[in-house]
Every structure is written in structure tokens, then in C-alpha cells.
Amino acid sequence: MLSCREASRLVSEGLDHNLPWAQRLSLRLHLMMCRGCSRFRRQIEGLDRFVRRHPDLPERIEPEATLPAEARERIKAAARHTDR
């Protein structure tokens, strides 16, 4: 059984290239049982579609835009909780 960390890595890799069948099967089984990773997959695929539709997006983002420290800490805490 894949860990959530391995599953999220495979979801990300799967956006860039086709995964071998064994990895696809392992990932599919994990996603069937893990609501958090399934949600992550939907979110990352939505982001990927958005970025592909808006290739000029990096030029429109302010270079000074950063994520507040509080938000970074919440994301880290959520990732630690999901990785169990």
C-alpha cells in the first residue's frame, strides 16, 4: 500500500508522463481508499488545466507576491496530518 506521500508524488508525476501500469494500479487503489489524496488529485489536476489554459499567467503575477507565514504553517501542518 502506498503512503500518502508516495501517492501525491505519483499524482504529480502522472501529470508530466504516463506512469508504469504497476504504479497506476497502486495509485488507483490508494485513491479509492484515501479521501485526502483523492481531493489532492482533483485539485492538482484542476490547477494543471488552469495553468495550461493560461500560459501567460507567470507574467501577470506580481514578483513580490508571497504566501503569508501563517498560511505556510497551516499547509505544512495539514501535509503532516495527511501523511500518516
PDB file of N, CA and C in Angstrom:
ATOM      1  N   MET A   1       0.843  -1.185   0.000  1.00  0.00           N
ATOM      2  CA  MET A   1       0.000   0.000   0.000  1.00  0.00           C
ATOM      3  C   MET A   1       0.882   1.240   0.000  1.00  0.00           C
ATOM      4  N   LEU A   2       0.567   2.166  -0.871  1.00  0.00           N
ATOM      5  CA  LEU A   2       1.318   3.417  -0.956  1.00  0.00           C
ATOM      6  C   LEU A   2       1.041   4.301   0.253  1.00  0.00           C
ATOM      7  N   SER A   3       2.036   5.063   0.664  1.00  0.00           N
ATOM      8  CA  SER A   3       1.800   6.103   1.663  1.00  0.00           C
ATOM      9  C   SER A   3       1.198   7.309   0.938  1.00  0.00           C
ATOM     10  N   CYS A   4       0.630   8.222   1.699  1.00  0.00           N
ATOM     11  CA  CYS A   4       0.071   9.437   1.093  1.00  0.00           C
ATOM     12  C   CYS A   4       1.172  10.239   0.396  1.00  0.00           C
ATOM     13  N   ARG A   5       2.353  10.258   0.962  1.00  0.00           N
ATOM     14  CA  ARG A   5       3.467  10.980   0.347  1.00  0.00           C
ATOM     15  C   ARG A   5       3.813  10.385  -1.018  1.00  0.00           C
ATOM     16  N   GLU A   6       3.881   9.051  -1.088  1.00  0.00           N
ATOM     17  CA  GLU A   6       4.175   8.394  -2.365  1.00  0.00           C
ATOM     18  C   GLU A   6       3.043   8.628  -3.371  1.00  0.00           C
ATOM     19  N   ALA A   7       1.813   8.571  -2.892  1.00  0.00           N
ATOM     20  CA  ALA A   7       0.667   8.781  -3.779  1.00  0.00           C
ATOM     21  C   ALA A   7       0.682  10.192  -4.355  1.00  0.00           C
ATOM     22  N   SER A   8       0.959  11.191  -3.517  1.00  0.00           N
ATOM     23  CA  SER A   8       0.978  12.565  -4.025  1.00  0.00           C
ATOM     24  C   SER A   8       2.111  12.758  -5.032  1.00  0.00           C
ATOM     25  N   ARG A   9       3.233  12.096  -4.804  1.00  0.00           N
ATOM     26  CA  ARG A   9       4.342  12.167  -5.767  1.00  0.00           C
ATOM     27  C   ARG A   9       3.921  11.566  -7.101  1.00  0.00           C
ATOM     28  N   LEU A  10       3.228  10.422  -7.057  1.00  0.00           N
ATOM     29  CA  LEU A  10       2.791   9.773  -8.295  1.00  0.00           C
ATOM     30  C   LEU A  10       1.720  10.593  -9.008  1.00  0.00           C
ATOM     31  N   VAL A  11       0.835  11.219  -8.244  1.00  0.00           N
ATOM     32  CA  VAL A  11      -0.171  12.089  -8.869  1.00  0.00           C
ATOM     33  C   VAL A  11       0.536  13.195  -9.643  1.00  0.00           C
ATOM     34  N   SER A  12       1.526  13.814  -9.018  1.00  0.00           N
ATOM     35  CA  SER A  12       2.268  14.897  -9.675  1.00  0.00           C
ATOM     36  C   SER A  12       3.039  14.393 -10.886  1.00  0.00           C
ATOM     37  N   GLU A  13       3.717  13.269 -10.732  1.00  0.00           N
ATOM     38  CA  GLU A  13       4.467  12.705 -11.857  1.00  0.00           C
ATOM     39  C   GLU A  13       3.536  12.325 -13.007  1.00  0.00           C
ATOM     40  N   GLY A  14       2.345  11.837 -12.661  1.00  0.00           N
ATOM     41  CA  GLY A  14       1.393  11.416 -13.675  1.00  0.00           C
ATOM     42  C   GLY A  14       0.907  12.567 -14.550  1.00  0.00           C
ATOM     43  N   LEU A  15       1.048  13.797 -14.080  1.00  0.00           N
ATOM     44  CA  LEU A  15       0.691  14.944 -14.902  1.00  0.00           C
ATOM     45  C   LEU A  15       1.698  15.155 -16.028  1.00  0.00           C
ATOM     46  N   ASP A  16       2.947  14.776 -15.779  1.00  0.00           N
ATOM     47  CA  ASP A  16       4.018  15.022 -16.736  1.00  0.00           C
ATOM     48  C   ASP A  16       4.253  13.878 -17.714  1.00  0.00           C
ATOM     49  N   HIS A  17       3.973  12.653 -17.273  1.00  0.00           N
ATOM     50  CA  HIS A  17       4.185  11.499 -18.166  1.00  0.00           C
ATOM     51  C   HIS A  17       3.343  10.331 -17.688  1.00  0.00           C
ATOM     52  N   ASN A  18       3.202   9.338 -18.553  1.00  0.00           N
ATOM     53  CA  ASN A  18       2.438   8.142 -18.201  1.00  0.00           C
ATOM     54  C   ASN A  18       3.216   7.308 -17.190  1.00  0.00           C
ATOM     55  N   LEU A  19       2.525   6.879 -16.155  1.00  0.00           N
ATOM     56  CA  LEU A  19       3.150   6.026 -15.148  1.00  0.00           C
ATOM     57  C   LEU A  19       3.104   4.574 -15.609  1.00  0.00           C
ATOM     58  N   PRO A  20       4.070   3.776 -15.182  1.00  0.00           N
ATOM     59  CA  PRO A  20       4.002   2.340 -15.471  1.00  0.00           C
ATOM     60  C   PRO A  20       2.714   1.747 -14.872  1.00  0.00           C
ATOM     61  N   TRP A  21       2.230   0.672 -15.446  1.00  0.00           N
ATOM     62  CA  TRP A  21       0.937   0.115 -15.044  1.00  0.00           C
ATOM     63  C   TRP A  21       0.898  -0.244 -13.567  1.00  0.00           C
ATOM     64  N   ALA A  22       1.998  -0.758 -13.008  1.00  0.00           N
ATOM     65  CA  ALA A  22       2.006  -1.151 -11.594  1.00  0.00           C
ATOM     66  C   ALA A  22       1.823   0.070 -10.690  1.00  0.00           C
ATOM     67  N   GLN A  23       2.462   1.173 -11.049  1.00  0.00           N
ATOM     68  CA  GLN A  23       2.303   2.400 -10.267  1.00  0.00           C
ATOM     69  C   GLN A  23       0.894   2.963 -10.424  1.00  0.00           C
ATOM     70  N   ARG A  24       0.346   2.912 -11.638  1.00  0.00           N
ATOM     71  CA  ARG A  24      -1.027   3.382 -11.854  1.00  0.00           C
ATOM     72  C   ARG A  24      -2.012   2.576 -11.017  1.00  0.00           C
ATOM     73  N   LEU A  25      -1.816   1.269 -10.979  1.00  0.00           N
ATOM     74  CA  LEU A  25      -2.697   0.401 -10.202  1.00  0.00           C
ATOM     75  C   LEU A  25      -2.588   0.708  -8.709  1.00  0.00           C
ATOM     76  N   SER A  26      -1.365   0.810  -8.211  1.00  0.00           N
ATOM     77  CA  SER A  26      -1.161   1.134  -6.792  1.00  0.00           C
ATOM     78  C   SER A  26      -1.789   2.477  -6.445  1.00  0.00           C
ATOM     79  N   LEU A  27      -1.592   3.447  -7.313  1.00  0.00           N
ATOM     80  CA  LEU A  27      -2.156   4.772  -7.080  1.00  0.00           C
ATOM     81  C   LEU A  27      -3.680   4.716  -7.103  1.00  0.00           C
ATOM     82  N   ARG A  28      -4.240   4.031  -8.066  1.00  0.00           N
ATOM     83  CA  ARG A  28      -5.700   3.938  -8.158  1.00  0.00           C
ATOM     84  C   ARG A  28      -6.287   3.292  -6.906  1.00  0.00           C
ATOM     85  N   LEU A  29      -5.649   2.232  -6.410  1.00  0.00           N
ATOM     86  CA  LEU A  29      -6.126   1.579  -5.184  1.00  0.00           C
ATOM     87  C   LEU A  29      -6.044   2.535  -3.993  1.00  0.00           C
ATOM     88  N   HIS A  30      -4.942   3.257  -3.889  1.00  0.00           N
ATOM     89  CA  HIS A  30      -4.784   4.209  -2.792  1.00  0.00           C
ATOM     90  C   HIS A  30      -5.858   5.297  -2.870  1.00  0.00           C
ATOM     91  N   LEU A  31      -6.097   5.820  -4.061  1.00  0.00           N
ATOM     92  CA  LEU A  31      -7.084   6.889  -4.228  1.00  0.00           C
ATOM     93  C   LEU A  31      -8.497   6.417  -3.919  1.00  0.00           C
ATOM     94  N   MET A  32      -8.776   5.146  -4.134  1.00  0.00           N
ATOM     95  CA  MET A  32     -10.096   4.614  -3.816  1.00  0.00           C
ATOM     96  C   MET A  32     -10.341   4.615  -2.303  1.00  0.00           C
ATOM     97  N   MET A  33      -9.267   4.525  -1.531  1.00  0.00           N
ATOM     98  CA  MET A  33      -9.404   4.423  -0.084  1.00  0.00           C
ATOM     99  C   MET A  33      -9.082   5.716   0.665  1.00  0.00           C
ATOM    100  N   CYS A  34      -8.424   6.654   0.020  1.00  0.00           N
ATOM    101  CA  CYS A  34      -7.941   7.845   0.725  1.00  0.00           C
ATOM    102  C   CYS A  34      -8.619   9.105   0.190  1.00  0.00           C
ATOM    103  N   ARG A  35      -9.492   9.651   0.988  1.00  0.00           N
ATOM    104  CA  ARG A  35     -10.238  10.842   0.587  1.00  0.00           C
ATOM    105  C   ARG A  35      -9.311  12.051   0.409  1.00  0.00           C
ATOM    106  N   GLY A  36      -8.317  12.188   1.292  1.00  0.00           N
ATOM    107  CA  GLY A  36      -7.400  13.326   1.200  1.00  0.00           C
ATOM    108  C   GLY A  36      -6.594  13.321  -0.090  1.00  0.00           C
ATOM    109  N   CYS A  37      -6.075  12.174  -0.459  1.00  0.00           N
ATOM    110  CA  CYS A  37      -5.287  12.083  -1.694  1.00  0.00           C
ATOM    111  C   CYS A  37      -6.169  12.237  -2.930  1.00  0.00           C
ATOM    112  N   SER A  38      -7.405  11.741  -2.850  1.00  0.00           N
ATOM    113  CA  SER A  38      -8.338  11.925  -3.969  1.00  0.00           C
ATOM    114  C   SER A  38      -8.623  13.406  -4.167  1.00  0.00           C
ATOM    115  N   ARG A  39      -8.803  14.117  -3.059  1.00  0.00           N
ATOM    116  CA  ARG A  39      -9.037  15.563  -3.137  1.00  0.00           C
ATOM    117  C   ARG A  39      -7.803  16.256  -3.705  1.00  0.00           C
ATOM    118  N   PHE A  40      -6.616  15.851  -3.243  1.00  0.00           N
ATOM    119  CA  PHE A  40      -5.371  16.431  -3.761  1.00  0.00           C
ATOM    120  C   PHE A  40      -5.281  16.229  -5.267  1.00  0.00           C
ATOM    121  N   ARG A  41      -5.614  15.032  -5.720  1.00  0.00           N
ATOM    122  CA  ARG A  41      -5.552  14.737  -7.160  1.00  0.00           C
ATOM    123  C   ARG A  41      -6.485  15.654  -7.954  1.00  0.00           C
ATOM    124  N   ARG A  42      -7.717  15.804  -7.472  1.00  0.00           N
ATOM    125  CA  ARG A  42      -8.651  16.698  -8.174  1.00  0.00           C
ATOM    126  C   ARG A  42      -8.130  18.130  -8.195  1.00  0.00           C
ATOM    127  N   GLN A  43      -7.570  18.574  -7.077  1.00  0.00           N
ATOM    128  CA  GLN A  43      -7.068  19.943  -7.005  1.00  0.00           C
ATOM    129  C   GLN A  43      -5.871  20.152  -7.925  1.00  0.00           C
ATOM    130  N   ILE A  44      -4.928  19.230  -7.915  1.00  0.00           N
ATOM    131  CA  ILE A  44      -3.711  19.392  -8.720  1.00  0.00           C
ATOM    132  C   ILE A  44      -4.052  19.289 -10.202  1.00  0.00           C
ATOM    133  N   GLU A  45      -5.007  18.423 -10.557  1.00  0.00           N
ATOM    134  CA  GLU A  45      -5.421  18.334 -11.956  1.00  0.00           C
ATOM    135  C   GLU A  45      -6.135  19.606 -12.390  1.00  0.00           C
ATOM    136  N   GLY A  46      -6.936  20.196 -11.507  1.00  0.00           N
ATOM    137  CA  GLY A  46      -7.594  21.461 -11.817  1.00  0.00           C
ATOM    138  C   GLY A  46      -6.588  22.582 -12.011  1.00  0.00           C
ATOM    139  N   LEU A  47      -5.578  22.623 -11.149  1.00  0.00           N
ATOM    140  CA  LEU A  47      -4.516  23.628 -11.301  1.00  0.00           C
ATOM    141  C   LEU A  47      -3.765  23.434 -12.610  1.00  0.00           C
ATOM    142  N   ASP A  48      -3.493  22.178 -12.945  1.00  0.00           N
ATOM    143  CA  ASP A  48      -2.778  21.887 -14.183  1.00  0.00           C
ATOM    144  C   ASP A  48      -3.591  22.366 -15.396  1.00  0.00           C
ATOM    145  N   ARG A  49      -4.893  22.086 -15.398  1.00  0.00           N
ATOM    146  CA  ARG A  49      -5.745  22.549 -16.508  1.00  0.00           C
ATOM    147  C   ARG A  49      -5.747  24.073 -16.592  1.00  0.00           C
ATOM    148  N   PHE A  50      -5.848  24.726 -15.438  1.00  0.00           N
ATOM    149  CA  PHE A  50      -5.873  26.183 -15.414  1.00  0.00           C
ATOM    150  C   PHE A  50      -4.578  26.773 -15.978  1.00  0.00           C
ATOM    151  N   VAL A  51      -3.450  26.256 -15.535  1.00  0.00           N
ATOM    152  CA  VAL A  51      -2.151  26.769 -15.990  1.00  0.00           C
ATOM    153  C   VAL A  51      -1.960  26.522 -17.480  1.00  0.00           C
ATOM    154  N   ARG A  52      -2.413  25.370 -17.969  1.00  0.00           N
ATOM    155  CA  ARG A  52      -2.282  25.092 -19.407  1.00  0.00           C
ATOM    156  C   ARG A  52      -3.145  26.035 -20.240  1.00  0.00           C
ATOM    157  N   ARG A  53      -4.299  26.444 -19.689  1.00  0.00           N
ATOM    158  CA  ARG A  53      -5.172  27.379 -20.416  1.00  0.00           C
ATOM    159  C   ARG A  53      -4.670  28.814 -20.344  1.00  0.00           C
ATOM    160  N   HIS A  54      -3.803  29.113 -19.392  1.00  0.00           N
ATOM    161  CA  HIS A  54      -3.308  30.482 -19.190  1.00  0.00           C
ATOM    162  C   HIS A  54      -1.774  30.494 -19.168  1.00  0.00           C
ATOM    163  N   PRO A  55      -1.143  30.244 -20.317  1.00  0.00           N
ATOM    164  CA  PRO A  55       0.320  30.167 -20.340  1.00  0.00           C
ATOM    165  C   PRO A  55       1.004  31.488 -19.989  1.00  0.00           C
ATOM    166  N   ASP A  56       0.292  32.605 -20.101  1.00  0.00           N
ATOM    167  CA  ASP A  56       0.901  33.895 -19.772  1.00  0.00           C
ATOM    168  C   ASP A  56       0.787  34.228 -18.290  1.00  0.00           C
ATOM    169  N   LEU A  57       0.247  33.349 -17.497  1.00  0.00           N
ATOM    170  CA  LEU A  57      -0.014  33.613 -16.092  1.00  0.00           C
ATOM    171  C   LEU A  57       1.216  34.069 -15.312  1.00  0.00           C
ATOM    172  N   PRO A  58       2.386  33.440 -15.436  1.00  0.00           N
ATOM    173  CA  PRO A  58       3.533  33.897 -14.644  1.00  0.00           C
ATOM    174  C   PRO A  58       3.875  35.378 -14.876  1.00  0.00           C
ATOM    175  N   GLU A  59       3.610  35.885 -16.051  1.00  0.00           N
ATOM    176  CA  GLU A  59       3.904  37.293 -16.337  1.00  0.00           C
ATOM    177  C   GLU A  59       2.936  38.218 -15.614  1.00  0.00           C
ATOM    178  N   ARG A  60       1.736  37.702 -15.288  1.00  0.00           N
ATOM    179  CA  ARG A  60       0.730  38.535 -14.649  1.00  0.00           C
ATOM    180  C   ARG A  60       0.829  38.518 -13.127  1.00  0.00           C
ATOM    181  N   ILE A  61       1.575  37.598 -12.565  1.00  0.00           N
ATOM    182  CA  ILE A  61       1.710  37.513 -11.106  1.00  0.00           C
ATOM    183  C   ILE A  61       2.765  38.500 -10.642  1.00  0.00           C
ATOM    184  N   GLU A  62       2.446  39.216  -9.586  1.00  0.00           N
ATOM    185  CA  GLU A  62       3.408  40.170  -9.041  1.00  0.00           C
ATOM    186  C   GLU A  62       4.621  39.422  -8.493  1.00  0.00           C
ATOM    187  N   PRO A  63       5.834  39.860  -8.815  1.00  0.00           N
ATOM    188  CA  PRO A  63       7.019  39.165  -8.327  1.00  0.00           C
ATOM    189  C   PRO A  63       7.129  39.208  -6.804  1.00  0.00           C
ATOM    190  N   GLU A  64       6.528  40.200  -6.166  1.00  0.00           N
ATOM    191  CA  GLU A  64       6.603  40.338  -4.723  1.00  0.00           C
ATOM    192  C   GLU A  64       5.550  39.497  -3.999  1.00  0.00           C
ATOM    193  N   ALA A  65       4.645  38.877  -4.740  1.00  0.00           N
ATOM    194  CA  ALA A  65       3.580  38.109  -4.104  1.00  0.00           C
ATOM    195  C   ALA A  65       4.165  36.894  -3.391  1.00  0.00           C
ATOM    196  N   THR A  66       3.871  36.780  -2.097  1.00  0.00           N
ATOM    197  CA  THR A  66       4.327  35.633  -1.320  1.00  0.00           C
ATOM    198  C   THR A  66       3.188  35.145  -0.441  1.00  0.00           C
ATOM    199  N   LEU A  67       3.292  33.934  -0.014  1.00  0.00           N
ATOM    200  CA  LEU A  67       2.316  33.342   0.868  1.00  0.00           C
ATOM    201  C   LEU A  67       2.640  33.758   2.301  1.00  0.00           C
ATOM    202  N   PRO A  68       1.662  34.245   3.049  1.00  0.00           N
ATOM    203  CA  PRO A  68       1.928  34.631   4.440  1.00  0.00           C
ATOM    204  C   PRO A  68       2.449  33.444   5.248  1.00  0.00           C
ATOM    205  N   ALA A  69       3.282  33.736   6.237  1.00  0.00           N
ATOM    206  CA  ALA A  69       3.893  32.686   7.061  1.00  0.00           C
ATOM    207  C   ALA A  69       2.827  31.820   7.726  1.00  0.00           C
ATOM    208  N   GLU A  70       1.742  32.431   8.188  1.00  0.00           N
ATOM    209  CA  GLU A  70       0.677  31.674   8.837  1.00  0.00           C
ATOM    210  C   GLU A  70       0.076  30.644   7.878  1.00  0.00           C
ATOM    211  N   ALA A  71      -0.137  31.032   6.639  1.00  0.00           N
ATOM    212  CA  ALA A  71      -0.690  30.113   5.642  1.00  0.00           C
ATOM    213  C   ALA A  71       0.295  28.984   5.346  1.00  0.00           C
ATOM    214  N   ARG A  72       1.588  29.301   5.257  1.00  0.00           N
ATOM    215  CA  ARG A  72       2.600  28.259   5.023  1.00  0.00           C
ATOM    216  C   ARG A  72       2.576  27.234   6.155  1.00  0.00           C
ATOM    217  N   GLU A  73       2.451  27.708   7.398  1.00  0.00           N
ATOM    218  CA  GLU A  73       2.430  26.800   8.542  1.00  0.00           C
ATOM    219  C   GLU A  73       1.184  25.920   8.533  1.00  0.00           C
ATOM    220  N   ARG A  74       0.039  26.477   8.152  1.00  0.00           N
ATOM    221  CA  ARG A  74      -1.190  25.676   8.071  1.00  0.00           C
ATOM    222  C   ARG A  74      -1.042  24.584   7.017  1.00  0.00           C
ATOM    223  N   ILE A  75      -0.434  24.918   5.886  1.00  0.00           N
ATOM    224  CA  ILE A  75      -0.230  23.930   4.821  1.00  0.00           C
ATOM    225  C   ILE A  75       0.709  22.828   5.292  1.00  0.00           C
ATOM    226  N   LYS A  76       1.797  23.204   5.961  1.00  0.00           N
ATOM    227  CA  LYS A  76       2.737  22.202   6.479  1.00  0.00           C
ATOM    228  C   LYS A  76       2.059  21.282   7.482  1.00  0.00           C
ATOM    229  N   ALA A  77       1.265  21.848   8.381  1.00  0.00           N
ATOM    230  CA  ALA A  77       0.570  21.050   9.395  1.00  0.00           C
ATOM    231  C   ALA A  77      -0.411  20.092   8.731  1.00  0.00           C
ATOM    232  N   ALA A  78      -1.138  20.571   7.730  1.00  0.00           N
ATOM    233  CA  ALA A  78      -2.089  19.710   7.030  1.00  0.00           C
ATOM    234  C   ALA A  78      -1.365  18.584   6.298  1.00  0.00           C
ATOM    235  N   ALA A  79      -0.215  18.890   5.702  1.00  0.00           N
ATOM    236  CA  ALA A  79       0.551  17.857   4.987  1.00  0.00           C
ATOM    237  C   ALA A  79       1.061  16.801   5.962  1.00  0.00           C
ATOM    238  N   ARG A  80       1.512  17.224   7.131  1.00  0.00           N
ATOM    239  CA  ARG A  80       1.982  16.264   8.138  1.00  0.00           C
ATOM    240  C   ARG A  80       0.835  15.382   8.597  1.00  0.00           C
ATOM    241  N   HIS A  81      -0.336  15.970   8.768  1.00  0.00           N
ATOM    242  CA  HIS A  81      -1.503  15.208   9.229  1.00  0.00           C
ATOM    243  C   HIS A  81      -1.941  14.195   8.165  1.00  0.00           C
ATOM    244  N   THR A  82      -1.903  14.566   6.903  1.00  0.00           N
ATOM    245  CA  THR A  82      -2.325  13.706   5.812  1.00  0.00           C
ATOM    246  C   THR A  82      -1.348  12.577   5.577  1.00  0.00           C
ATOM    247  N   ASP A  83      -0.073  12.772   5.897  1.00  0.00           N
ATOM    248  CA  ASP A  83       0.975  11.791   5.600  1.00  0.00           C
ATOM    249  C   ASP A  83       0.950  10.590   6.543  1.00  0.00           C
ATOM    250  N   ARG A  84       0.093  10.594   7.504  1.00  0.00           N
ATOM    251  CA  ARG A  84       0.061   9.467   8.460  1.00  0.00           C
ATOM    252  C   ARG A  84      -0.559   8.251   7.890  1.00  0.00           C
TER     253      ARG A  84
END
